Structures are given as structure tokens and as C-alpha cells.
mmCIF file of all heavy atoms, coordinates in Angstrom:
data_MODEL
# 
_entry.id   MODEL 
# 
loop_
_atom_site.group_PDB 
_atom_site.id 
_atom_site.type_symbol 
_atom_site.label_atom_id 
_atom_site.label_alt_id 
_atom_site.label_comp_id 
_atom_site.label_asym_id 
_atom_site.label_entity_id 
_atom_site.label_seq_id 
_atom_site.pdbx_PDB_ins_code 
_atom_site.Cartn_x 
_atom_site.Cartn_y 
_atom_site.Cartn_z 
_atom_site.occupancy 
_atom_site.B_iso_or_equiv 
_atom_site.pdbx_formal_charge 
_atom_site.auth_seq_id 
_atom_site.auth_comp_id 
_atom_site.auth_asym_id 
_atom_site.auth_atom_id 
_atom_site.pdbx_PDB_model_num 
ATOM 1   N N   . ILE A 1 1  ? -13.749 -0.208  -16.651 1.00 0.00 ? 1  ILE A N   1 
ATOM 2   C CA  . ILE A 1 1  ? -14.812 0.059   -17.638 1.00 0.00 ? 1  ILE A CA  1 
ATOM 3   C C   . ILE A 1 1  ? -15.365 1.464   -17.446 1.00 0.00 ? 1  ILE A C   1 
ATOM 4   O O   . ILE A 1 1  ? -15.574 2.210   -18.421 1.00 0.00 ? 1  ILE A O   1 
ATOM 5   C CB  . ILE A 1 1  ? -15.927 -0.993  -17.517 1.00 0.00 ? 1  ILE A CB  1 
ATOM 6   C CG1 . ILE A 1 1  ? -15.415 -2.362  -17.973 1.00 0.00 ? 1  ILE A CG1 1 
ATOM 7   C CG2 . ILE A 1 1  ? -17.161 -0.584  -18.325 1.00 0.00 ? 1  ILE A CG2 1 
ATOM 8   C CD1 . ILE A 1 1  ? -16.367 -3.500  -17.699 1.00 0.00 ? 1  ILE A CD1 1 
ATOM 9   N N   . ARG A 1 2  ? -15.602 1.835   -16.186 1.00 0.00 ? 2  ARG A N   1 
ATOM 10  C CA  . ARG A 1 2  ? -16.131 3.177   -15.901 1.00 0.00 ? 2  ARG A CA  1 
ATOM 11  C C   . ARG A 1 2  ? -15.140 4.249   -16.353 1.00 0.00 ? 2  ARG A C   1 
ATOM 12  O O   . ARG A 1 2  ? -15.546 5.276   -16.924 1.00 0.00 ? 2  ARG A O   1 
ATOM 13  C CB  . ARG A 1 2  ? -16.403 3.306   -14.401 1.00 0.00 ? 2  ARG A CB  1 
ATOM 14  C CG  . ARG A 1 2  ? -16.941 4.669   -13.973 1.00 0.00 ? 2  ARG A CG  1 
ATOM 15  C CD  . ARG A 1 2  ? -18.263 4.981   -14.637 1.00 0.00 ? 2  ARG A CD  1 
ATOM 16  N NE  . ARG A 1 2  ? -18.773 6.270   -14.196 1.00 0.00 ? 2  ARG A NE  1 
ATOM 17  C CZ  . ARG A 1 2  ? -19.551 7.036   -14.927 1.00 0.00 ? 2  ARG A CZ  1 
ATOM 18  N NH1 . ARG A 1 2  ? -19.931 6.653   -16.152 1.00 0.00 ? 2  ARG A NH1 1 
ATOM 19  N NH2 . ARG A 1 2  ? -19.990 8.188   -14.458 1.00 0.00 ? 2  ARG A NH2 1 
ATOM 20  N N   . ALA A 1 3  ? -13.855 4.034   -16.136 1.00 0.00 ? 3  ALA A N   1 
ATOM 21  C CA  . ALA A 1 3  ? -12.844 5.006   -16.557 1.00 0.00 ? 3  ALA A CA  1 
ATOM 22  C C   . ALA A 1 3  ? -12.876 5.191   -18.068 1.00 0.00 ? 3  ALA A C   1 
ATOM 23  O O   . ALA A 1 3  ? -12.845 6.329   -18.571 1.00 0.00 ? 3  ALA A O   1 
ATOM 24  C CB  . ALA A 1 3  ? -11.467 4.542   -16.101 1.00 0.00 ? 3  ALA A CB  1 
ATOM 25  N N   . ARG A 1 4  ? -12.948 4.100   -18.790 1.00 0.00 ? 4  ARG A N   1 
ATOM 26  C CA  . ARG A 1 4  ? -12.968 4.198   -20.250 1.00 0.00 ? 4  ARG A CA  1 
ATOM 27  C C   . ARG A 1 4  ? -14.217 4.896   -20.751 1.00 0.00 ? 4  ARG A C   1 
ATOM 28  O O   . ARG A 1 4  ? -14.180 5.634   -21.746 1.00 0.00 ? 4  ARG A O   1 
ATOM 29  C CB  . ARG A 1 4  ? -12.817 2.800   -20.848 1.00 0.00 ? 4  ARG A CB  1 
ATOM 30  C CG  . ARG A 1 4  ? -11.397 2.242   -20.659 1.00 0.00 ? 4  ARG A CG  1 
ATOM 31  C CD  . ARG A 1 4  ? -11.279 0.804   -21.072 1.00 0.00 ? 4  ARG A CD  1 
ATOM 32  N NE  . ARG A 1 4  ? -9.893  0.335   -20.937 1.00 0.00 ? 4  ARG A NE  1 
ATOM 33  C CZ  . ARG A 1 4  ? -9.538  -0.921  -20.779 1.00 0.00 ? 4  ARG A CZ  1 
ATOM 34  N NH1 . ARG A 1 4  ? -10.473 -1.887  -20.742 1.00 0.00 ? 4  ARG A NH1 1 
ATOM 35  N NH2 . ARG A 1 4  ? -8.268  -1.252  -20.645 1.00 0.00 ? 4  ARG A NH2 1 
ATOM 36  N N   . GLU A 1 5  ? -15.349 4.669   -20.067 1.00 0.00 ? 5  GLU A N   1 
ATOM 37  C CA  . GLU A 1 5  ? -16.581 5.373   -20.438 1.00 0.00 ? 5  GLU A CA  1 
ATOM 38  C C   . GLU A 1 5  ? -16.441 6.877   -20.271 1.00 0.00 ? 5  GLU A C   1 
ATOM 39  O O   . GLU A 1 5  ? -17.048 7.655   -21.005 1.00 0.00 ? 5  GLU A O   1 
ATOM 40  C CB  . GLU A 1 5  ? -17.742 4.862   -19.591 1.00 0.00 ? 5  GLU A CB  1 
ATOM 41  C CG  . GLU A 1 5  ? -18.192 3.454   -19.933 1.00 0.00 ? 5  GLU A CG  1 
ATOM 42  C CD  . GLU A 1 5  ? -19.237 2.918   -18.966 1.00 0.00 ? 5  GLU A CD  1 
ATOM 43  O OE1 . GLU A 1 5  ? -19.431 3.540   -17.887 1.00 0.00 ? 5  GLU A OE1 1 
ATOM 44  O OE2 . GLU A 1 5  ? -19.855 1.882   -19.283 1.00 0.00 ? 5  GLU A OE2 1 
ATOM 45  N N   . LEU A 1 6  ? -15.628 7.290   -19.303 1.00 0.00 ? 6  LEU A N   1 
ATOM 46  C CA  . LEU A 1 6  ? -15.404 8.711   -19.055 1.00 0.00 ? 6  LEU A CA  1 
ATOM 47  C C   . LEU A 1 6  ? -14.258 9.290   -19.876 1.00 0.00 ? 6  LEU A C   1 
ATOM 48  O O   . LEU A 1 6  ? -13.909 10.459  -19.729 1.00 0.00 ? 6  LEU A O   1 
ATOM 49  C CB  . LEU A 1 6  ? -15.118 8.927   -17.562 1.00 0.00 ? 6  LEU A CB  1 
ATOM 50  C CG  . LEU A 1 6  ? -16.274 8.614   -16.604 1.00 0.00 ? 6  LEU A CG  1 
ATOM 51  C CD1 . LEU A 1 6  ? -15.814 8.719   -15.153 1.00 0.00 ? 6  LEU A CD1 1 
ATOM 52  C CD2 . LEU A 1 6  ? -17.452 9.555   -16.860 1.00 0.00 ? 6  LEU A CD2 1 
ATOM 53  N N   . GLY A 1 7  ? -13.669 8.452   -20.730 1.00 0.00 ? 7  GLY A N   1 
ATOM 54  C CA  . GLY A 1 7  ? -12.572 8.920   -21.566 1.00 0.00 ? 7  GLY A CA  1 
ATOM 55  C C   . GLY A 1 7  ? -11.246 9.023   -20.848 1.00 0.00 ? 7  GLY A C   1 
ATOM 56  O O   . GLY A 1 7  ? -10.329 9.727   -21.292 1.00 0.00 ? 7  GLY A O   1 
ATOM 57  N N   . VAL A 1 8  ? -11.114 8.303   -19.727 1.00 0.00 ? 8  VAL A N   1 
ATOM 58  C CA  . VAL A 1 8  ? -9.869  8.316   -18.953 1.00 0.00 ? 8  VAL A CA  1 
ATOM 59  C C   . VAL A 1 8  ? -8.970  7.187   -19.444 1.00 0.00 ? 8  VAL A C   1 
ATOM 60  O O   . VAL A 1 8  ? -9.381  6.025   -19.437 1.00 0.00 ? 8  VAL A O   1 
ATOM 61  C CB  . VAL A 1 8  ? -10.154 8.135   -17.447 1.00 0.00 ? 8  VAL A CB  1 
ATOM 62  C CG1 . VAL A 1 8  ? -8.854  7.975   -16.672 1.00 0.00 ? 8  VAL A CG1 1 
ATOM 63  C CG2 . VAL A 1 8  ? -10.972 9.300   -16.918 1.00 0.00 ? 8  VAL A CG2 1 
ATOM 64  N N   . PRO A 1 9  ? -7.756  7.478   -19.872 1.00 0.00 ? 9  PRO A N   1 
ATOM 65  C CA  . PRO A 1 9  ? -6.839  6.399   -20.266 1.00 0.00 ? 9  PRO A CA  1 
ATOM 66  C C   . PRO A 1 9  ? -6.448  5.552   -19.059 1.00 0.00 ? 9  PRO A C   1 
ATOM 67  O O   . PRO A 1 9  ? -6.318  6.075   -17.945 1.00 0.00 ? 9  PRO A O   1 
ATOM 68  C CB  . PRO A 1 9  ? -5.629  7.133   -20.844 1.00 0.00 ? 9  PRO A CB  1 
ATOM 69  C CG  . PRO A 1 9  ? -5.695  8.509   -20.268 1.00 0.00 ? 9  PRO A CG  1 
ATOM 70  C CD  . PRO A 1 9  ? -7.144  8.814   -20.037 1.00 0.00 ? 9  PRO A CD  1 
ATOM 71  N N   . VAL A 1 10 ? -6.270  4.267   -19.291 1.00 0.00 ? 10 VAL A N   1 
ATOM 72  C CA  . VAL A 1 10 ? -5.987  3.329   -18.204 1.00 0.00 ? 10 VAL A CA  1 
ATOM 73  C C   . VAL A 1 10 ? -4.733  2.528   -18.531 1.00 0.00 ? 10 VAL A C   1 
ATOM 74  O O   . VAL A 1 10 ? -4.569  2.056   -19.656 1.00 0.00 ? 10 VAL A O   1 
ATOM 75  C CB  . VAL A 1 10 ? -7.172  2.354   -17.985 1.00 0.00 ? 10 VAL A CB  1 
ATOM 76  C CG1 . VAL A 1 10 ? -6.834  1.336   -16.888 1.00 0.00 ? 10 VAL A CG1 1 
ATOM 77  C CG2 . VAL A 1 10 ? -8.445  3.111   -17.659 1.00 0.00 ? 10 VAL A CG2 1 
ATOM 78  N N   . LYS A 1 11 ? -3.874  2.378   -17.551 1.00 0.00 ? 11 LYS A N   1 
ATOM 79  C CA  . LYS A 1 11 ? -2.707  1.517   -17.705 1.00 0.00 ? 11 LYS A CA  1 
ATOM 80  C C   . LYS A 1 11 ? -2.665  0.563   -16.514 1.00 0.00 ? 11 LYS A C   1 
ATOM 81  O O   . LYS A 1 11 ? -2.727  0.991   -15.353 1.00 0.00 ? 11 LYS A O   1 
ATOM 82  C CB  . LYS A 1 11 ? -1.413  2.321   -17.766 1.00 0.00 ? 11 LYS A CB  1 
ATOM 83  C CG  . LYS A 1 11 ? -0.169  1.455   -18.004 1.00 0.00 ? 11 LYS A CG  1 
ATOM 84  C CD  . LYS A 1 11 ? 1.072   2.297   -18.186 1.00 0.00 ? 11 LYS A CD  1 
ATOM 85  C CE  . LYS A 1 11 ? 2.313   1.442   -18.417 1.00 0.00 ? 11 LYS A CE  1 
ATOM 86  N NZ  . LYS A 1 11 ? 2.221   0.633   -19.644 1.00 0.00 ? 11 LYS A NZ  1 
ATOM 87  N N   . THR A 1 12 ? -2.564  -0.728  -16.798 1.00 0.00 ? 12 THR A N   1 
ATOM 88  C CA  . THR A 1 12 ? -2.512  -1.748  -15.758 1.00 0.00 ? 12 THR A CA  1 
ATOM 89  C C   . THR A 1 12 ? -1.078  -2.218  -15.570 1.00 0.00 ? 12 THR A C   1 
ATOM 90  O O   . THR A 1 12 ? -0.368  -2.485  -16.546 1.00 0.00 ? 12 THR A O   1 
ATOM 91  C CB  . THR A 1 12 ? -3.395  -2.950  -16.135 1.00 0.00 ? 12 THR A CB  1 
ATOM 92  O OG1 . THR A 1 12 ? -4.739  -2.505  -16.328 1.00 0.00 ? 12 THR A OG1 1 
ATOM 93  C CG2 . THR A 1 12 ? -3.364  -4.013  -15.038 1.00 0.00 ? 12 THR A CG2 1 
ATOM 94  N N   . ILE A 1 13 ? -0.658  -2.312  -14.307 1.00 0.00 ? 13 ILE A N   1 
ATOM 95  C CA  . ILE A 1 13 ? 0.678   -2.798  -13.981 1.00 0.00 ? 13 ILE A CA  1 
ATOM 96  C C   . ILE A 1 13 ? 0.499   -4.030  -13.090 1.00 0.00 ? 13 ILE A C   1 
ATOM 97  O O   . ILE A 1 13 ? 0.046   -3.927  -11.947 1.00 0.00 ? 13 ILE A O   1 
ATOM 98  C CB  . ILE A 1 13 ? 1.516   -1.714  -13.283 1.00 0.00 ? 13 ILE A CB  1 
ATOM 99  C CG1 . ILE A 1 13 ? 1.647   -0.485  -14.201 1.00 0.00 ? 13 ILE A CG1 1 
ATOM 100 C CG2 . ILE A 1 13 ? 2.895   -2.257  -12.920 1.00 0.00 ? 13 ILE A CG2 1 
ATOM 101 C CD1 . ILE A 1 13 ? 2.327   0.703   -13.565 1.00 0.00 ? 13 ILE A CD1 1 
ATOM 102 N N   . HIS A 1 14 ? 0.852   -5.187  -13.614 1.00 0.00 ? 14 HIS A N   1 
ATOM 103 C CA  . HIS A 1 14 ? 0.549   -6.460  -12.961 1.00 0.00 ? 14 HIS A CA  1 
ATOM 104 C C   . HIS A 1 14 ? 1.571   -6.805  -11.883 1.00 0.00 ? 14 HIS A C   1 
ATOM 105 O O   . HIS A 1 14 ? 2.645   -6.196  -11.782 1.00 0.00 ? 14 HIS A O   1 
ATOM 106 C CB  . HIS A 1 14 ? 0.471   -7.573  -14.003 1.00 0.00 ? 14 HIS A CB  1 
ATOM 107 C CG  . HIS A 1 14 ? -0.670  -7.408  -14.954 1.00 0.00 ? 14 HIS A CG  1 
ATOM 108 N ND1 . HIS A 1 14 ? -1.956  -7.777  -14.646 1.00 0.00 ? 14 HIS A ND1 1 
ATOM 109 C CD2 . HIS A 1 14 ? -0.715  -6.890  -16.220 1.00 0.00 ? 14 HIS A CD2 1 
ATOM 110 C CE1 . HIS A 1 14 ? -2.751  -7.518  -15.670 1.00 0.00 ? 14 HIS A CE1 1 
ATOM 111 N NE2 . HIS A 1 14 ? -2.021  -6.968  -16.627 1.00 0.00 ? 14 HIS A NE2 1 
ATOM 112 N N   . ASN A 1 15 ? 1.195   -7.825  -11.089 1.00 0.00 ? 15 ASN A N   1 
ATOM 113 C CA  . ASN A 1 15 ? 2.089   -8.295  -10.031 1.00 0.00 ? 15 ASN A CA  1 
ATOM 114 C C   . ASN A 1 15 ? 1.685   -9.721  -9.671  1.00 0.00 ? 15 ASN A C   1 
ATOM 115 O O   . ASN A 1 15 ? 0.728   -10.266 -10.221 1.00 0.00 ? 15 ASN A O   1 
ATOM 116 C CB  . ASN A 1 15 ? 2.003   -7.375  -8.803  1.00 0.00 ? 15 ASN A CB  1 
ATOM 117 C CG  . ASN A 1 15 ? 3.296   -7.324  -8.010  1.00 0.00 ? 15 ASN A CG  1 
ATOM 118 O OD1 . ASN A 1 15 ? 3.946   -8.350  -7.814  1.00 0.00 ? 15 ASN A OD1 1 
ATOM 119 N ND2 . ASN A 1 15 ? 3.671   -6.142  -7.542  1.00 0.00 ? 15 ASN A ND2 1 
ATOM 120 N N   . ALA A 1 16 ? 2.421   -10.311 -8.746  1.00 0.00 ? 16 ALA A N   1 
ATOM 121 C CA  . ALA A 1 16 ? 2.102   -11.665 -8.288  1.00 0.00 ? 16 ALA A CA  1 
ATOM 122 C C   . ALA A 1 16 ? 0.804   -11.669 -7.494  1.00 0.00 ? 16 ALA A C   1 
ATOM 123 O O   . ALA A 1 16 ? 0.463   -10.695 -6.824  1.00 0.00 ? 16 ALA A O   1 
ATOM 124 C CB  . ALA A 1 16 ? 3.232   -12.203 -7.420  1.00 0.00 ? 16 ALA A CB  1 
ATOM 125 N N   . SER A 1 17 ? 0.077   -12.768 -7.574  1.00 0.00 ? 17 SER A N   1 
ATOM 126 C CA  . SER A 1 17 ? -1.121  -12.961 -6.758  1.00 0.00 ? 17 SER A CA  1 
ATOM 127 C C   . SER A 1 17 ? -1.126  -14.391 -6.260  1.00 0.00 ? 17 SER A C   1 
ATOM 128 O O   . SER A 1 17 ? -0.318  -15.228 -6.687  1.00 0.00 ? 17 SER A O   1 
ATOM 129 C CB  . SER A 1 17 ? -2.389  -12.677 -7.571  1.00 0.00 ? 17 SER A CB  1 
ATOM 130 O OG  . SER A 1 17 ? -2.687  -13.768 -8.425  1.00 0.00 ? 17 SER A OG  1 
ATOM 131 N N   . ILE A 1 18 ? -2.062  -14.707 -5.382  1.00 0.00 ? 18 ILE A N   1 
ATOM 132 C CA  . ILE A 1 18 ? -2.148  -16.071 -4.876  1.00 0.00 ? 18 ILE A CA  1 
ATOM 133 C C   . ILE A 1 18 ? -2.436  -17.046 -6.007  1.00 0.00 ? 18 ILE A C   1 
ATOM 134 O O   . ILE A 1 18 ? -2.094  -18.238 -5.917  1.00 0.00 ? 18 ILE A O   1 
ATOM 135 C CB  . ILE A 1 18 ? -3.229  -16.177 -3.764  1.00 0.00 ? 18 ILE A CB  1 
ATOM 136 C CG1 . ILE A 1 18 ? -3.141  -17.519 -3.033  1.00 0.00 ? 18 ILE A CG1 1 
ATOM 137 C CG2 . ILE A 1 18 ? -4.622  -15.939 -4.349  1.00 0.00 ? 18 ILE A CG2 1 
ATOM 138 C CD1 . ILE A 1 18 ? -1.841  -17.769 -2.328  1.00 0.00 ? 18 ILE A CD1 1 
ATOM 139 N N   . MET A 1 19 ? -3.023  -16.554 -7.102  1.00 0.00 ? 19 MET A N   1 
ATOM 140 C CA  . MET A 1 19 ? -3.381  -17.431 -8.215  1.00 0.00 ? 19 MET A CA  1 
ATOM 141 C C   . MET A 1 19 ? -2.149  -18.046 -8.879  1.00 0.00 ? 19 MET A C   1 
ATOM 142 O O   . MET A 1 19 ? -2.230  -19.151 -9.425  1.00 0.00 ? 19 MET A O   1 
ATOM 143 C CB  . MET A 1 19 ? -4.194  -16.659 -9.263  1.00 0.00 ? 19 MET A CB  1 
ATOM 144 C CG  . MET A 1 19 ? -5.473  -16.056 -8.718  1.00 0.00 ? 19 MET A CG  1 
ATOM 145 S SD  . MET A 1 19 ? -6.725  -17.288 -8.330  1.00 0.00 ? 19 MET A SD  1 
ATOM 146 C CE  . MET A 1 19 ? -7.321  -17.684 -9.964  1.00 0.00 ? 19 MET A CE  1 
ATOM 147 N N   . ASN A 1 20 ? -1.023  -17.350 -8.843  1.00 0.00 ? 20 ASN A N   1 
ATOM 148 C CA  . ASN A 1 20 ? 0.198   -17.974 -9.373  1.00 0.00 ? 20 ASN A CA  1 
ATOM 149 C C   . ASN A 1 20 ? 1.193   -18.347 -8.271  1.00 0.00 ? 20 ASN A C   1 
ATOM 150 O O   . ASN A 1 20 ? 1.911   -19.331 -8.384  1.00 0.00 ? 20 ASN A O   1 
ATOM 151 C CB  . ASN A 1 20 ? 0.880   -17.095 -10.438 1.00 0.00 ? 20 ASN A CB  1 
ATOM 152 C CG  . ASN A 1 20 ? 1.143   -15.689 -9.993  1.00 0.00 ? 20 ASN A CG  1 
ATOM 153 O OD1 . ASN A 1 20 ? 1.284   -15.403 -8.808  1.00 0.00 ? 20 ASN A OD1 1 
ATOM 154 N ND2 . ASN A 1 20 ? 1.214   -14.769 -10.948 1.00 0.00 ? 20 ASN A ND2 1 
ATOM 155 N N   . ALA A 1 21 ? 1.184   -17.597 -7.164  1.00 0.00 ? 21 ALA A N   1 
ATOM 156 C CA  . ALA A 1 21 ? 2.117   -17.902 -6.080  1.00 0.00 ? 21 ALA A CA  1 
ATOM 157 C C   . ALA A 1 21 ? 1.768   -19.204 -5.370  1.00 0.00 ? 21 ALA A C   1 
ATOM 158 O O   . ALA A 1 21 ? 2.614   -19.749 -4.641  1.00 0.00 ? 21 ALA A O   1 
ATOM 159 C CB  . ALA A 1 21 ? 2.144   -16.746 -5.078  1.00 0.00 ? 21 ALA A CB  1 
ATOM 160 N N   . ILE A 1 22 ? 0.584   -19.734 -5.594  1.00 0.00 ? 22 ILE A N   1 
ATOM 161 C CA  . ILE A 1 22 ? 0.221   -21.014 -4.982  1.00 0.00 ? 22 ILE A CA  1 
ATOM 162 C C   . ILE A 1 22 ? 1.132   -22.130 -5.497  1.00 0.00 ? 22 ILE A C   1 
ATOM 163 O O   . ILE A 1 22 ? 1.221   -23.206 -4.891  1.00 0.00 ? 22 ILE A O   1 
ATOM 164 C CB  . ILE A 1 22 ? -1.269  -21.349 -5.239  1.00 0.00 ? 22 ILE A CB  1 
ATOM 165 C CG1 . ILE A 1 22 ? -1.777  -22.405 -4.259  1.00 0.00 ? 22 ILE A CG1 1 
ATOM 166 C CG2 . ILE A 1 22 ? -1.493  -21.772 -6.689  1.00 0.00 ? 22 ILE A CG2 1 
ATOM 167 C CD1 . ILE A 1 22 ? -1.789  -21.956 -2.825  1.00 0.00 ? 22 ILE A CD1 1 
ATOM 168 N N   . GLY A 1 23 ? 1.852   -21.860 -6.562  1.00 0.00 ? 23 GLY A N   1 
ATOM 169 C CA  . GLY A 1 23 ? 2.861   -22.800 -7.045  1.00 0.00 ? 23 GLY A CA  1 
ATOM 170 C C   . GLY A 1 23 ? 3.942   -23.086 -6.017  1.00 0.00 ? 23 GLY A C   1 
ATOM 171 O O   . GLY A 1 23 ? 4.675   -24.077 -6.135  1.00 0.00 ? 23 GLY A O   1 
ATOM 172 N N   . ALA A 1 24 ? 4.042   -22.239 -4.976  1.00 0.00 ? 24 ALA A N   1 
ATOM 173 C CA  . ALA A 1 24 ? 4.999   -22.482 -3.891  1.00 0.00 ? 24 ALA A CA  1 
ATOM 174 C C   . ALA A 1 24 ? 4.716   -23.790 -3.163  1.00 0.00 ? 24 ALA A C   1 
ATOM 175 O O   . ALA A 1 24 ? 5.591   -24.333 -2.488  1.00 0.00 ? 24 ALA A O   1 
ATOM 176 C CB  . ALA A 1 24 ? 4.977   -21.326 -2.894  1.00 0.00 ? 24 ALA A CB  1 
ATOM 177 N N   . THR A 1 25 ? 3.507   -24.320 -3.302  1.00 0.00 ? 25 THR A N   1 
ATOM 178 C CA  . THR A 1 25 ? 3.166   -25.603 -2.694  1.00 0.00 ? 25 THR A CA  1 
ATOM 179 C C   . THR A 1 25 ? 3.845   -26.774 -3.382  1.00 0.00 ? 25 THR A C   1 
ATOM 180 O O   . THR A 1 25 ? 3.844   -27.891 -2.863  1.00 0.00 ? 25 THR A O   1 
ATOM 181 C CB  . THR A 1 25 ? 1.647   -25.833 -2.744  1.00 0.00 ? 25 THR A CB  1 
ATOM 182 O OG1 . THR A 1 25 ? 1.218   -25.824 -4.124  1.00 0.00 ? 25 THR A OG1 1 
ATOM 183 C CG2 . THR A 1 25 ? 0.900   -24.764 -1.970  1.00 0.00 ? 25 THR A CG2 1 
# 
């Protein structure tokens, strides 16, 4: 949010997290 307020373009590159890797159980 702060970056966008300053006019900085933002690109997000996702990855695995415990929120989906918990499926290993």
C-alpha cells in the first residue's frame, strides 16, 4: 500500500506457504 501511495509499481511473485503445504498431512 505504501509503495502504491508513492507511485511505485508493484509486482507480486507467489510461492508455497504453510497455508497450502499443510496438505502434506
